[in-house]
Protein backbone atom coordinates (compact mmCIF):
# COMPACT_ATOMS: atom_id res chain seq x y z
CA UNK A 1 84.07 11.12 3.38
CA UNK A 2 85.46 7.98 5.06
CA UNK A 3 82.73 8.19 7.71
CA UNK A 4 80.05 8.43 5.01
CA UNK A 5 81.54 5.41 3.25
CA UNK A 6 81.40 3.41 6.47
CA UNK A 7 77.76 4.40 6.97
CA UNK A 8 76.92 3.44 3.38
CA UNK A 9 78.55 0.02 3.74
CA UNK A 10 76.64 -0.52 6.99
CA UNK A 11 73.43 0.48 5.18
CA UNK A 12 74.17 -2.18 2.55
CA UNK A 13 74.70 -4.75 5.32
CA UNK A 14 71.79 -3.93 7.59
CA UNK A 15 69.08 -2.43 5.36
CA UNK A 16 69.70 -3.86 1.90
CA UNK A 17 70.96 -7.21 3.26
CA UNK A 18 73.69 -7.25 0.59
CA UNK A 19 76.07 -10.18 0.37
CA UNK A 20 79.53 -9.89 1.95
CA UNK A 21 81.04 -10.14 -1.54
CA UNK A 22 78.96 -7.19 -2.76
CA UNK A 23 79.89 -5.10 0.28
CA UNK A 24 83.58 -5.91 -0.20
CA UNK A 25 83.47 -4.85 -3.86
CA UNK A 26 81.58 -1.65 -3.10
CA UNK A 27 84.15 -0.86 -0.40
CA UNK A 28 87.00 -1.34 -2.89
CA UNK A 29 85.21 0.81 -5.46
CA UNK A 30 84.67 3.58 -2.94
CA UNK A 31 88.33 3.45 -1.88
CA UNK A 32 89.32 3.79 -5.53
CA UNK A 33 86.96 6.74 -5.95
CA UNK A 34 88.39 8.48 -2.86
CA UNK A 35 91.92 7.93 -4.20
CA UNK A 36 90.86 9.50 -7.51
CA UNK A 37 89.39 12.54 -5.72
CA UNK A 38 92.34 13.07 -3.40
CA UNK A 39 95.83 12.96 -4.84
CA UNK A 40 98.60 12.58 -2.22
CA UNK A 41 98.47 15.39 0.33
CA UNK A 42 94.92 16.47 -0.58
CA UNK A 43 91.83 15.79 1.52
CA UNK A 44 88.87 14.31 -0.36
CA UNK A 45 85.86 16.60 -0.72
CA UNK A 46 82.78 15.95 1.42
CA UNK A 47 80.49 13.38 -0.14
CA UNK A 48 77.68 15.93 -0.25
CA UNK A 49 79.81 17.86 -2.75
CA UNK A 50 80.14 14.95 -5.18
CA UNK A 51 78.18 15.75 -8.31
CA UNK A 52 76.95 13.67 -11.21
CA UNK A 53 79.67 15.29 -13.33
CA UNK A 54 82.42 14.17 -10.94
CA UNK A 55 81.06 10.62 -11.01
CA UNK A 56 81.00 10.61 -14.81
CA UNK A 57 84.57 11.96 -14.91
CA UNK A 58 85.69 9.13 -12.60
CA UNK A 59 84.01 6.47 -14.74
CA UNK A 60 85.57 8.07 -17.84
CA UNK A 61 88.98 7.99 -16.13
CA UNK A 62 88.59 4.28 -15.40
CA UNK A 63 87.56 3.64 -18.98
CA UNK A 64 90.55 5.60 -20.32
CA UNK A 65 92.87 3.57 -18.10
CA UNK A 66 91.39 0.32 -19.43
CA UNK A 67 90.04 -0.54 -15.98
CA UNK A 68 86.40 -0.42 -16.92
CA UNK A 69 84.22 -3.22 -18.18
CA UNK A 70 80.52 -2.72 -18.81
CA UNK A 71 79.19 -4.57 -15.69
CA UNK A 72 81.75 -2.81 -13.50
CA UNK A 73 80.80 0.54 -14.99
CA UNK A 74 77.15 0.03 -14.10
CA UNK A 75 78.04 -1.12 -10.56
CA UNK A 76 80.40 1.80 -9.94
CA UNK A 77 78.03 4.40 -11.34
CA UNK A 78 75.10 2.94 -9.40
CA UNK A 79 76.85 2.77 -6.04
CA UNK A 80 78.37 6.23 -6.39
CA UNK A 81 75.01 7.80 -7.18
CA UNK A 82 73.26 5.86 -4.42
CA UNK A 83 75.89 6.64 -1.78
CA UNK A 84 75.94 10.33 -2.75
CA UNK A 85 72.13 10.48 -2.52
CA UNK A 86 72.17 8.86 0.93
CA UNK A 87 74.87 11.26 2.12
CA UNK A 88 72.97 14.29 0.82
CA UNK A 89 69.73 13.13 2.46
CA UNK A 90 71.54 12.62 5.76
CA UNK A 91 73.22 16.03 5.46
CA UNK A 92 69.92 17.77 4.65
CA UNK A 93 68.18 16.01 7.54
CA UNK A 94 70.87 17.20 10.01
CA UNK A 95 70.75 20.77 8.72
CA UNK A 96 66.98 21.12 8.40
């Protein structure tokens, strides 16, 4: 999953021409998501296995912990769905 995150952040830099601040925040959000998916001693699942339900559970977890504000919620949900879609497309392309 870490490799996919690196590729997604590079995509934001090179293709979407995102600002350094945006890339930094997306990187922090992705690190937080990976930490949520992989408690100590557990490997995170492959990004291609991340479903809409898992993303919603993560956003709900952040909300329950008081870590979620509306703009952050939109950003986190958006980047998770976009990065998962890019990873799935890349995976499907390799295995076609």
